[in-house]
Amino acid sequence: MTDLLFTIYPWVKSLHIMAVISWMAGLFYLPRLFVYHVEKAQAVDGAETIFFEMEEKLLRVIMRPAMIVAWVCGLIMVFTPGIVGWDFAWPWVKGAAVIGMTWFHHWLMARRKDFLEGRNSLTGRQYRMVNEVPTILMVAIVLAVVLKF
């Protein structure tokens, strides 16, 4: 099993990076869609339906699959012997930030449900502010993985 993990490691790592890029794109874009949904949807007849469809496709077609692939590949790399030194802080920082990012993903899904049910209570400004959450988490992850502190 160890030989297989070492053999596929570069492929898994490459797929992990591509999945993370896709997931991050969605985590940056969905709150921005929510900003426009709050601020512009009422101004144009039928726009709210378009926002619902865009948000749903972004979540279902891009974000969810990318998150799953990022997690699966990440766990494969974690279980590859010799890759992660658990006596350092960096894997724990990265793990906590990835859990935070996953929580944020699910929080966004709940906000979309609020829109669908007519219960959205957040303003465009609030969505702009929460749009910084994935940036902060990304900085923590990249610094942890590259600097390996």
C-alpha atoms as a PDB file:
ATOM      1  CA  MET A   1       0.000   0.000   0.000  1.00  0.00           C
ATOM      2  CA  THR A   2       2.842   2.390   0.824  1.00  0.00           C
ATOM      3  CA  ASP A   3       4.361   1.867  -2.636  1.00  0.00           C
ATOM      4  CA  LEU A   4       1.035   2.743  -4.250  1.00  0.00           C
ATOM      5  CA  LEU A   5       0.698   5.907  -2.155  1.00  0.00           C
ATOM      6  CA  PHE A   6       4.204   7.034  -3.125  1.00  0.00           C
ATOM      7  CA  THR A   7       3.556   6.238  -6.796  1.00  0.00           C
ATOM      8  CA  ILE A   8       0.314   8.206  -7.008  1.00  0.00           C
ATOM      9  CA  TYR A   9       1.422  11.040  -4.701  1.00  0.00           C
ATOM     10  CA  PRO A  10       2.387  13.558  -7.455  1.00  0.00           C
ATOM     11  CA  TRP A  11      -0.928  12.911  -9.236  1.00  0.00           C
ATOM     12  CA  VAL A  12      -2.941  13.227  -6.029  1.00  0.00           C
ATOM     13  CA  LYS A  13      -1.111  16.417  -5.097  1.00  0.00           C
ATOM     14  CA  SER A  14      -1.759  17.904  -8.545  1.00  0.00           C
ATOM     15  CA  LEU A  15      -5.443  17.012  -8.385  1.00  0.00           C
ATOM     16  CA  HIS A  16      -5.608  18.428  -4.851  1.00  0.00           C
ATOM     17  CA  ILE A  17      -4.188  21.779  -5.995  1.00  0.00           C
ATOM     18  CA  MET A  18      -6.627  21.978  -8.927  1.00  0.00           C
ATOM     19  CA  ALA A  19      -9.586  21.123  -6.680  1.00  0.00           C
ATOM     20  CA  VAL A  20      -8.545  23.703  -4.095  1.00  0.00           C
ATOM     21  CA  ILE A  21      -8.277  26.401  -6.776  1.00  0.00           C
ATOM     22  CA  SER A  22     -11.782  25.565  -8.021  1.00  0.00           C
ATOM     23  CA  TRP A  23     -13.217  25.434  -4.516  1.00  0.00           C
ATOM     24  CA  MET A  24     -11.606  28.748  -3.574  1.00  0.00           C
ATOM     25  CA  ALA A  25     -12.962  30.390  -6.726  1.00  0.00           C
ATOM     26  CA  GLY A  26     -16.451  29.376  -5.635  1.00  0.00           C
ATOM     27  CA  LEU A  27     -15.889  30.480  -2.037  1.00  0.00           C
ATOM     28  CA  PHE A  28     -14.847  33.903  -3.335  1.00  0.00           C
ATOM     29  CA  TYR A  29     -17.603  34.205  -5.947  1.00  0.00           C
ATOM     30  CA  LEU A  30     -20.702  32.963  -4.097  1.00  0.00           C
ATOM     31  CA  PRO A  31     -20.702  35.736  -1.454  1.00  0.00           C
ATOM     32  CA  ARG A  32     -20.245  38.229  -4.311  1.00  0.00           C
ATOM     33  CA  LEU A  33     -23.311  36.748  -6.017  1.00  0.00           C
ATOM     34  CA  PHE A  34     -25.169  37.189  -2.734  1.00  0.00           C
ATOM     35  CA  VAL A  35     -24.150  40.883  -2.696  1.00  0.00           C
ATOM     36  CA  TYR A  36     -25.677  41.401  -6.129  1.00  0.00           C
ATOM     37  CA  HIS A  37     -28.674  39.227  -5.237  1.00  0.00           C
ATOM     38  CA  VAL A  38     -29.436  41.465  -2.239  1.00  0.00           C
ATOM     39  CA  GLU A  39     -28.720  44.751  -3.994  1.00  0.00           C
ATOM     40  CA  LYS A  40     -29.873  44.214  -7.583  1.00  0.00           C
ATOM     41  CA  ALA A  41     -32.351  41.309  -7.878  1.00  0.00           C
ATOM     42  CA  GLN A  42     -35.433  43.382  -7.091  1.00  0.00           C
ATOM     43  CA  ALA A  43     -34.527  46.027  -9.689  1.00  0.00           C
ATOM     44  CA  VAL A  44     -34.885  43.724 -12.707  1.00  0.00           C
ATOM     45  CA  ASP A  45     -37.918  41.591 -13.384  1.00  0.00           C
ATOM     46  CA  GLY A  46     -36.972  37.889 -13.287  1.00  0.00           C
ATOM     47  CA  ALA A  47     -33.449  38.553 -11.998  1.00  0.00           C
ATOM     48  CA  GLU A  48     -34.023  36.696  -8.738  1.00  0.00           C
ATOM     49  CA  THR A  49     -34.680  33.468 -10.648  1.00  0.00           C
ATOM     50  CA  ILE A  50     -31.412  33.945 -12.519  1.00  0.00           C
ATOM     51  CA  PHE A  51     -29.543  34.488  -9.229  1.00  0.00           C
ATOM     52  CA  PHE A  52     -31.110  31.334  -7.754  1.00  0.00           C
ATOM     53  CA  GLU A  53     -29.939  29.312 -10.752  1.00  0.00           C
ATOM     54  CA  MET A  54     -26.420  30.774 -10.780  1.00  0.00           C
ATOM     55  CA  GLU A  55     -25.971  30.181  -7.047  1.00  0.00           C
ATOM     56  CA  GLU A  56     -27.305  26.638  -7.241  1.00  0.00           C
ATOM     57  CA  LYS A  57     -25.085  25.668 -10.181  1.00  0.00           C
ATOM     58  CA  LEU A  58     -22.022  27.223  -8.579  1.00  0.00           C
ATOM     59  CA  LEU A  59     -22.630  25.206  -5.416  1.00  0.00           C
ATOM     60  CA  ARG A  60     -23.688  21.918  -7.030  1.00  0.00           C
ATOM     61  CA  VAL A  61     -21.500  21.783 -10.145  1.00  0.00           C
ATOM     62  CA  ILE A  62     -18.292  23.492  -9.017  1.00  0.00           C
ATOM     63  CA  MET A  63     -17.981  24.008  -5.280  1.00  0.00           C
ATOM     64  CA  ARG A  64     -19.292  20.737  -3.834  1.00  0.00           C
ATOM     65  CA  PRO A  65     -17.329  18.436  -6.192  1.00  0.00           C
ATOM     66  CA  ALA A  66     -14.190  20.554  -5.759  1.00  0.00           C
ATOM     67  CA  MET A  67     -14.510  20.452  -1.974  1.00  0.00           C
ATOM     68  CA  ILE A  68     -14.957  16.663  -1.999  1.00  0.00           C
ATOM     69  CA  VAL A  69     -11.966  16.110  -4.300  1.00  0.00           C
ATOM     70  CA  ALA A  70      -9.819  18.500  -2.232  1.00  0.00           C
ATOM     71  CA  TRP A  71     -10.721  16.621   0.952  1.00  0.00           C
ATOM     72  CA  VAL A  72     -10.197  13.134  -0.528  1.00  0.00           C
ATOM     73  CA  CYS A  73      -6.848  14.034  -2.085  1.00  0.00           C
ATOM     74  CA  GLY A  74      -5.780  15.855   1.070  1.00  0.00           C
ATOM     75  CA  LEU A  75      -6.554  12.823   3.199  1.00  0.00           C
ATOM     76  CA  ILE A  76      -4.689  10.539   0.785  1.00  0.00           C
ATOM     77  CA  MET A  77      -1.644  12.800   1.133  1.00  0.00           C
ATOM     78  CA  VAL A  78      -1.989  12.847   4.928  1.00  0.00           C
ATOM     79  CA  PHE A  79      -1.960   9.050   4.986  1.00  0.00           C
ATOM     80  CA  THR A  80       1.083   8.852   2.707  1.00  0.00           C
ATOM     81  CA  PRO A  81       3.956   7.972   5.084  1.00  0.00           C
ATOM     82  CA  GLY A  82       6.581  10.646   5.578  1.00  0.00           C
ATOM     83  CA  ILE A  83       4.621  13.536   4.083  1.00  0.00           C
ATOM     84  CA  VAL A  84       3.247  15.133   7.250  1.00  0.00           C
ATOM     85  CA  GLY A  85       5.321  15.736  10.362  1.00  0.00           C
ATOM     86  CA  TRP A  86       2.744  15.786  13.144  1.00  0.00           C
ATOM     87  CA  ASP A  87       5.260  17.189  15.628  1.00  0.00           C
ATOM     88  CA  PHE A  88       5.129  20.534  13.766  1.00  0.00           C
ATOM     89  CA  ALA A  89       2.360  23.133  14.021  1.00  0.00           C
ATOM     90  CA  TRP A  90       1.730  23.513  10.296  1.00  0.00           C
ATOM     91  CA  PRO A  91      -0.469  20.423   9.709  1.00  0.00           C
ATOM     92  CA  TRP A  92      -2.640  21.377  12.666  1.00  0.00           C
ATOM     93  CA  VAL A  93      -2.968  24.978  11.445  1.00  0.00           C
ATOM     94  CA  LYS A  94      -3.803  23.784   7.942  1.00  0.00           C
ATOM     95  CA  GLY A  95      -6.304  21.246   9.264  1.00  0.00           C
ATOM     96  CA  ALA A  96      -8.057  23.839  11.419  1.00  0.00           C
ATOM     97  CA  ALA A  97      -8.211  26.285   8.499  1.00  0.00           C
ATOM     98  CA  VAL A  98      -9.582  23.605   6.144  1.00  0.00           C
ATOM     99  CA  ILE A  99     -12.265  22.745   8.702  1.00  0.00           C
ATOM    100  CA  GLY A 100     -13.028  26.473   8.926  1.00  0.00           C
ATOM    101  CA  MET A 101     -13.269  26.679   5.149  1.00  0.00           C
ATOM    102  CA  THR A 102     -15.609  23.686   5.094  1.00  0.00           C
ATOM    103  CA  TRP A 103     -17.751  25.316   7.784  1.00  0.00           C
ATOM    104  CA  PHE A 104     -17.849  28.531   5.687  1.00  0.00           C
ATOM    105  CA  HIS A 105     -18.928  26.498   2.644  1.00  0.00           C
ATOM    106  CA  HIS A 106     -21.826  25.040   4.627  1.00  0.00           C
ATOM    107  CA  TRP A 107     -22.672  28.460   6.072  1.00  0.00           C
ATOM    108  CA  LEU A 108     -22.954  29.778   2.501  1.00  0.00           C
ATOM    109  CA  MET A 109     -25.274  26.875   1.638  1.00  0.00           C
ATOM    110  CA  ALA A 110     -27.482  27.877   4.580  1.00  0.00           C
ATOM    111  CA  ARG A 111     -27.547  31.514   3.373  1.00  0.00           C
ATOM    112  CA  ARG A 112     -28.651  30.311  -0.064  1.00  0.00           C
ATOM    113  CA  LYS A 113     -31.475  28.394   1.589  1.00  0.00           C
ATOM    114  CA  ASP A 114     -32.430  31.627   3.376  1.00  0.00           C
ATOM    115  CA  PHE A 115     -32.653  33.371  -0.012  1.00  0.00           C
ATOM    116  CA  LEU A 116     -34.810  30.562  -1.419  1.00  0.00           C
ATOM    117  CA  GLU A 117     -37.183  30.753   1.551  1.00  0.00           C
ATOM    118  CA  GLY A 118     -37.296  34.565   1.533  1.00  0.00           C
ATOM    119  CA  ARG A 119     -35.539  34.755   4.922  1.00  0.00           C
ATOM    120  CA  ASN A 120     -32.264  36.455   3.978  1.00  0.00           C
ATOM    121  CA  SER A 121     -31.440  38.990   6.678  1.00  0.00           C
ATOM    122  CA  LEU A 122     -27.940  40.028   5.627  1.00  0.00           C
ATOM    123  CA  THR A 123     -27.098  43.148   3.648  1.00  0.00           C
ATOM    124  CA  GLY A 124     -24.765  43.489   0.697  1.00  0.00           C
ATOM    125  CA  ARG A 125     -22.220  45.134   2.993  1.00  0.00           C
ATOM    126  CA  GLN A 126     -22.344  42.167   5.383  1.00  0.00           C
ATOM    127  CA  TYR A 127     -21.812  39.734   2.503  1.00  0.00           C
ATOM    128  CA  ARG A 128     -18.849  41.846   1.352  1.00  0.00           C
ATOM    129  CA  MET A 129     -17.342  41.568   4.841  1.00  0.00           C
ATOM    130  CA  VAL A 130     -17.791  37.785   5.134  1.00  0.00           C
ATOM    131  CA  ASN A 131     -16.199  37.481   1.699  1.00  0.00           C
ATOM    132  CA  GLU A 132     -12.875  38.069   3.480  1.00  0.00           C
ATOM    133  CA  VAL A 133     -13.179  34.837   5.505  1.00  0.00           C
ATOM    134  CA  PRO A 134     -11.867  32.515   2.745  1.00  0.00           C
ATOM    135  CA  THR A 135      -8.989  34.924   2.099  1.00  0.00           C
ATOM    136  CA  ILE A 136      -7.859  34.804   5.731  1.00  0.00           C
ATOM    137  CA  LEU A 137      -8.149  31.005   5.792  1.00  0.00           C
ATOM    138  CA  MET A 138      -6.267  30.708   2.495  1.00  0.00           C
ATOM    139  CA  VAL A 139      -3.405  32.844   3.840  1.00  0.00           C
ATOM    140  CA  ALA A 140      -3.150  30.613   6.919  1.00  0.00           C
ATOM    141  CA  ILE A 141      -3.153  27.451   4.789  1.00  0.00           C
ATOM    142  CA  VAL A 142      -0.570  28.649   2.262  1.00  0.00           C
ATOM    143  CA  LEU A 143       1.789  29.980   4.929  1.00  0.00           C
ATOM    144  CA  ALA A 144       1.472  26.770   6.960  1.00  0.00           C
ATOM    145  CA  VAL A 145       2.159  24.489   3.978  1.00  0.00           C
ATOM    146  CA  VAL A 146       4.968  26.529   2.422  1.00  0.00           C
ATOM    147  CA  LEU A 147       6.797  27.588   5.600  1.00  0.00           C
ATOM    148  CA  LYS A 148       6.152  24.327   7.475  1.00  0.00           C
ATOM    149  CA  PHE A 149       6.512  26.018  10.876  1.00  0.00           C
END
